[in-house]
Amino acid sequence: MNDPRTVLDVDEYPDTEAQKNRMLTLEEWQEKWVNRNISFHQERGHQLLKKHLDTFLKDEKGLRVFFPLCGKAVEMKWFADRGHSVVGVEISELGIREFFTEQDLSYSEEPIAEIPGAKVFKSSSGNISLYCCNLFDLPRVNIGKFDRIWDRGAFVAVNPGDRKRYADVMLSLTSTGFQYFLCVLAYDPTKHAGSICNIHCLEKVDVFEERHKSWGIDYIIEKLYQFTEK
C-alpha cells in the first residue's frame, strides 16, 4: 500500500487468496490455443469498444495503437483499416497466424534480435506488427510510444503477482495525451494505474451467461474504464 499507484478505496474487488495464488504459465496459455480453449476470443469484436469508439479515437488520424496479449483480436484490423498503426504482443504463435489468416492478410515474419527465440509478424501493408514473445520481454525492443492502448482482458489475464510490473510496462509505452481503455471483470482498475492517471468508468454491463454457472459464480460484471494523462 506504500506504492502511490496502488489506490484501493472500494470493497468491490477484494483480493481473495484464490486470486493472489492464481498462476498460469506461458506454456499453459499456449496450450489453451492448441486445445481451442479460447472462449475469451470475440469473433465480432468487443461491443463496448464499438460503442465508445469515438471516445477512444477522438477523431484523430494516424494513431499508434497497442494491443497487449492481443491473441487474434479482430479489433486490430478495425484500426488498421481506419489508417492507424497497430502493434500487438502475444505469446501464442498460433493465435497470431490465425489472425492474419482469418483476416485474409498477407504477412512476413522475422526473428527479434533482442529476444532469442521470439518473432515479429508484419502485415504486407506495414501497419500491423505482432510480436510473438513474453510481454515482459518487450521493453528490450524499441517499439516506441503509443497514443492508444486497448486492454481487453490482458490485465485480468496477468498473474496477480505480476500486475504492478505489467502496469509499469504499459505506462512506459504511453505517449503524451494518451487514451487507455481497460476492460475488466471483477478487478479494481485503480490497482493498475492509480493516482498517476485520470480514471473514468464509461460503462458497466452484465455479461453473465449460463456457462458461467459451472464456475461456481452467479454474476459477472464487465466494466470499461478510460485512463487519461493527468
Protein backbone atom coordinates (compact mmCIF):
# COMPACT_ATOMS: atom_id res chain seq x y z
CA MET A 1 0.00 0.00 0.00
CA ASN A 2 3.02 2.29 0.11
CA ASP A 3 3.15 2.40 -3.70
CA PRO A 4 1.28 5.58 -4.76
CA ARG A 5 -0.06 3.71 -7.78
CA THR A 6 -1.87 1.22 -5.55
CA VAL A 7 -5.01 3.04 -4.55
CA LEU A 8 -7.79 0.80 -3.22
CA ASP A 9 -10.68 2.70 -1.74
CA VAL A 10 -13.56 0.36 -2.62
CA ASP A 11 -14.53 -3.04 -1.22
CA GLU A 12 -15.97 -4.22 -4.51
CA TYR A 13 -12.82 -6.08 -5.53
CA PRO A 14 -11.44 -8.00 -2.53
CA ASP A 15 -8.08 -9.73 -3.02
CA THR A 16 -9.00 -13.28 -2.07
CA GLU A 17 -6.32 -15.87 -1.50
CA ALA A 18 -7.57 -17.69 -4.60
CA GLN A 19 -6.87 -14.59 -6.68
CA LYS A 20 -3.47 -13.96 -5.14
CA ASN A 21 -2.32 -17.54 -5.70
CA ARG A 22 -3.69 -17.96 -9.23
CA MET A 23 -0.86 -18.74 -11.63
CA LEU A 24 -0.83 -19.68 -15.30
CA THR A 25 2.44 -20.35 -17.08
CA LEU A 26 3.20 -19.19 -20.60
CA GLU A 27 3.10 -22.82 -21.68
CA GLU A 28 -0.42 -23.18 -20.28
CA TRP A 29 -1.55 -20.13 -22.25
CA GLN A 30 -0.09 -21.65 -25.40
CA GLU A 31 -1.91 -24.92 -24.66
CA LYS A 32 -5.20 -23.03 -24.50
CA TRP A 33 -4.73 -22.11 -28.15
CA VAL A 34 -3.69 -25.61 -29.18
CA ASN A 35 -6.67 -27.14 -27.35
CA ARG A 36 -9.05 -24.43 -28.66
CA ASN A 37 -9.84 -23.30 -25.13
CA ILE A 38 -10.19 -19.71 -26.32
CA SER A 39 -13.69 -18.70 -25.25
CA PHE A 40 -12.19 -15.27 -24.45
CA HIS A 41 -11.90 -14.55 -28.19
CA GLN A 42 -14.77 -12.47 -29.57
CA GLU A 43 -15.29 -13.12 -33.27
CA ARG A 44 -17.35 -9.96 -33.81
CA GLY A 45 -15.13 -7.74 -31.73
CA HIS A 46 -15.83 -6.12 -28.39
CA GLN A 47 -19.20 -4.40 -28.26
CA LEU A 48 -18.21 -1.85 -25.61
CA LEU A 49 -15.26 -0.73 -27.70
CA LYS A 50 -17.56 -0.37 -30.72
CA LYS A 51 -19.97 1.70 -28.67
CA HIS A 52 -17.28 4.01 -27.30
CA LEU A 53 -15.03 4.06 -30.37
CA ASP A 54 -15.47 7.79 -30.94
CA THR A 55 -14.36 8.49 -27.37
CA PHE A 56 -11.35 6.25 -27.86
CA LEU A 57 -10.22 7.72 -31.19
CA LYS A 58 -11.37 11.33 -30.67
CA ASP A 59 -11.48 11.72 -34.47
CA GLU A 60 -7.67 11.69 -34.60
CA LYS A 61 -5.75 10.30 -37.56
CA GLY A 62 -2.63 8.18 -37.84
CA LEU A 63 -2.63 6.92 -34.25
CA ARG A 64 -0.35 4.23 -32.87
CA VAL A 65 -2.49 1.65 -31.08
CA PHE A 66 -1.10 -1.07 -28.78
CA PHE A 67 -2.83 -4.39 -28.02
CA PRO A 68 -1.31 -6.22 -25.02
CA LEU A 69 -1.88 -10.00 -25.15
CA CYS A 70 -3.64 -9.44 -28.45
CA GLY A 71 -4.49 -13.00 -29.45
CA LYS A 72 -6.29 -12.73 -32.79
CA ALA A 73 -8.44 -9.76 -31.83
CA VAL A 74 -10.45 -8.59 -34.85
CA GLU A 75 -10.31 -5.03 -33.50
CA MET A 76 -6.72 -4.83 -34.73
CA LYS A 77 -7.97 -4.84 -38.30
CA TRP A 78 -10.64 -2.26 -37.42
CA PHE A 79 -7.94 0.24 -36.53
CA ALA A 80 -5.63 -0.68 -39.38
CA ASP A 81 -8.50 -0.21 -41.84
CA ARG A 82 -9.01 3.29 -40.40
CA GLY A 83 -5.43 4.22 -41.19
CA HIS A 84 -3.93 3.68 -37.73
CA SER A 85 -0.77 1.72 -36.92
CA VAL A 86 -1.30 -1.37 -34.77
CA VAL A 87 1.24 -3.18 -32.60
CA GLY A 88 0.38 -6.23 -30.52
CA VAL A 89 2.15 -8.76 -28.34
CA GLU A 90 1.04 -12.36 -27.91
CA ILE A 91 2.76 -15.49 -26.59
CA SER A 92 0.90 -17.84 -28.96
CA GLU A 93 2.32 -18.01 -32.47
CA LEU A 94 -0.77 -20.00 -33.42
CA GLY A 95 -3.02 -17.12 -32.37
CA ILE A 96 -1.01 -14.62 -34.41
CA ARG A 97 -1.01 -16.77 -37.53
CA GLU A 98 -4.75 -17.31 -37.20
CA PHE A 99 -5.29 -13.55 -37.05
CA PHE A 100 -3.59 -12.96 -40.38
CA THR A 101 -5.24 -15.99 -41.99
CA GLU A 102 -8.75 -15.18 -40.78
CA GLN A 103 -8.43 -11.52 -41.75
CA ASP A 104 -7.08 -12.54 -45.17
CA LEU A 105 -3.89 -10.52 -44.68
CA SER A 106 -0.55 -11.45 -46.19
CA TYR A 107 2.39 -11.12 -43.83
CA SER A 108 6.06 -11.72 -43.26
CA GLU A 109 7.90 -12.92 -40.19
CA GLU A 110 11.37 -12.29 -38.85
CA PRO A 111 13.31 -13.03 -35.68
CA ILE A 112 13.62 -10.40 -32.96
CA ALA A 113 17.35 -9.96 -32.37
CA GLU A 114 16.90 -8.59 -28.85
CA ILE A 115 14.79 -11.57 -27.69
CA PRO A 116 16.20 -15.02 -28.58
CA GLY A 117 13.54 -17.32 -30.00
CA ALA A 118 10.98 -14.55 -30.46
CA LYS A 119 9.49 -13.36 -33.76
CA VAL A 120 7.63 -10.38 -35.16
CA PHE A 121 4.90 -10.84 -37.76
CA LYS A 122 4.21 -7.87 -40.04
CA SER A 123 1.34 -7.31 -42.45
CA SER A 124 2.38 -6.64 -46.03
CA SER A 125 0.66 -3.27 -45.76
CA GLY A 126 3.08 -2.42 -42.95
CA ASN A 127 0.54 -1.10 -40.45
CA ILE A 128 0.16 -4.21 -38.27
CA SER A 129 3.11 -5.67 -36.33
CA LEU A 130 2.53 -8.52 -33.86
CA TYR A 131 5.32 -9.59 -31.54
CA CYS A 132 5.35 -13.24 -30.50
CA CYS A 133 7.08 -13.15 -27.15
CA ASN A 134 6.63 -12.74 -23.42
CA LEU A 135 5.10 -9.31 -22.80
CA PHE A 136 7.66 -8.64 -20.08
CA ASP A 137 10.48 -9.10 -22.60
CA LEU A 138 9.01 -6.46 -24.90
CA PRO A 139 10.80 -3.47 -23.29
CA ARG A 140 14.05 -4.91 -24.70
CA VAL A 141 12.73 -3.97 -28.16
CA ASN A 142 12.38 -0.33 -29.10
CA ILE A 143 8.76 -0.28 -30.24
CA GLY A 144 8.19 3.37 -29.39
CA LYS A 145 5.29 5.08 -27.62
CA PHE A 146 1.57 4.70 -28.22
CA ASP A 147 -1.33 7.11 -28.47
CA ARG A 148 -3.91 4.46 -27.59
CA ILE A 149 -3.91 1.18 -25.68
CA TRP A 150 -6.82 -1.26 -25.86
CA ASP A 151 -6.55 -3.64 -22.92
CA ARG A 152 -9.35 -6.13 -23.12
CA GLY A 153 -8.58 -9.00 -20.76
CA ALA A 154 -4.81 -8.57 -20.63
CA PHE A 155 -4.66 -7.05 -17.14
CA VAL A 156 -7.15 -9.69 -15.98
CA ALA A 157 -5.10 -12.49 -17.54
CA VAL A 158 -1.79 -11.46 -15.96
CA ASN A 159 -0.99 -13.35 -12.77
CA PRO A 160 -1.86 -11.12 -9.78
CA GLY A 161 1.73 -11.06 -8.56
CA ASP A 162 2.85 -9.60 -11.90
CA ARG A 163 0.31 -6.80 -12.17
CA LYS A 164 2.48 -4.00 -10.82
CA ARG A 165 5.21 -4.96 -13.29
CA TYR A 166 2.58 -5.11 -16.03
CA ALA A 167 1.34 -1.62 -15.15
CA ASP A 168 4.91 -0.32 -15.30
CA VAL A 169 5.38 -1.76 -18.79
CA MET A 170 2.07 -0.34 -20.03
CA LEU A 171 2.71 3.12 -18.64
CA SER A 172 6.21 3.15 -20.14
CA LEU A 173 4.61 2.76 -23.58
CA THR A 174 2.22 5.70 -23.34
CA SER A 175 2.78 8.92 -25.24
CA THR A 176 1.69 12.41 -24.21
CA GLY A 177 -2.09 12.77 -24.35
CA PHE A 178 -2.71 9.00 -24.42
CA GLN A 179 -6.04 7.21 -24.09
CA TYR A 180 -6.00 3.82 -22.36
CA PHE A 181 -9.17 1.70 -22.40
CA LEU A 182 -9.20 -1.12 -19.85
CA CYS A 183 -11.93 -3.77 -19.78
CA VAL A 184 -12.01 -5.79 -16.55
CA LEU A 185 -14.04 -8.46 -14.85
CA ALA A 186 -14.29 -8.08 -11.07
CA TYR A 187 -10.93 -6.38 -10.59
CA ASP A 188 -10.20 -2.91 -9.25
CA PRO A 189 -8.52 -0.91 -12.06
CA THR A 190 -7.11 1.59 -9.56
CA LYS A 191 -4.51 -1.06 -8.80
CA HIS A 192 -3.43 -0.78 -12.41
CA ALA A 193 -2.53 2.89 -12.80
CA GLY A 194 -3.79 4.56 -9.66
CA SER A 195 -3.06 8.16 -8.87
CA ILE A 196 -0.91 8.91 -11.92
CA CYS A 197 -3.88 8.68 -14.33
CA ASN A 198 -7.38 10.08 -14.51
CA ILE A 199 -9.83 7.17 -14.34
CA HIS A 200 -13.40 7.22 -15.63
CA CYS A 201 -15.82 4.29 -15.78
CA LEU A 202 -17.56 4.53 -19.16
CA GLU A 203 -19.96 1.64 -18.74
CA LYS A 204 -20.90 -1.43 -16.69
CA VAL A 205 -22.51 -4.44 -18.40
CA ASP A 206 -23.90 -7.70 -17.04
CA VAL A 207 -22.16 -10.41 -19.12
CA PHE A 208 -23.22 -13.44 -17.07
CA GLU A 209 -24.09 -16.49 -19.20
CA GLU A 210 -25.40 -19.94 -18.39
CA ARG A 211 -21.93 -21.45 -18.89
CA HIS A 212 -20.57 -19.36 -16.04
CA LYS A 213 -22.63 -21.34 -13.51
CA SER A 214 -20.10 -24.15 -13.85
CA TRP A 215 -17.51 -21.76 -12.39
CA GLY A 216 -19.49 -21.64 -9.15
CA ILE A 217 -20.45 -17.98 -9.54
CA ASP A 218 -23.78 -16.26 -10.08
CA TYR A 219 -22.78 -12.94 -11.67
CA ILE A 220 -20.11 -11.28 -13.82
CA ILE A 221 -20.00 -7.56 -14.40
CA GLU A 222 -17.78 -6.26 -17.18
CA LYS A 223 -16.56 -2.69 -16.82
CA LEU A 224 -14.94 -0.40 -19.35
CA TYR A 225 -12.55 2.17 -17.88
CA GLN A 226 -10.90 5.10 -19.60
CA PHE A 227 -7.44 6.16 -18.42
CA THR A 228 -6.06 9.51 -19.48
CA GLU A 229 -3.00 11.53 -18.61
CA LYS A 230 -3.21 13.76 -15.53
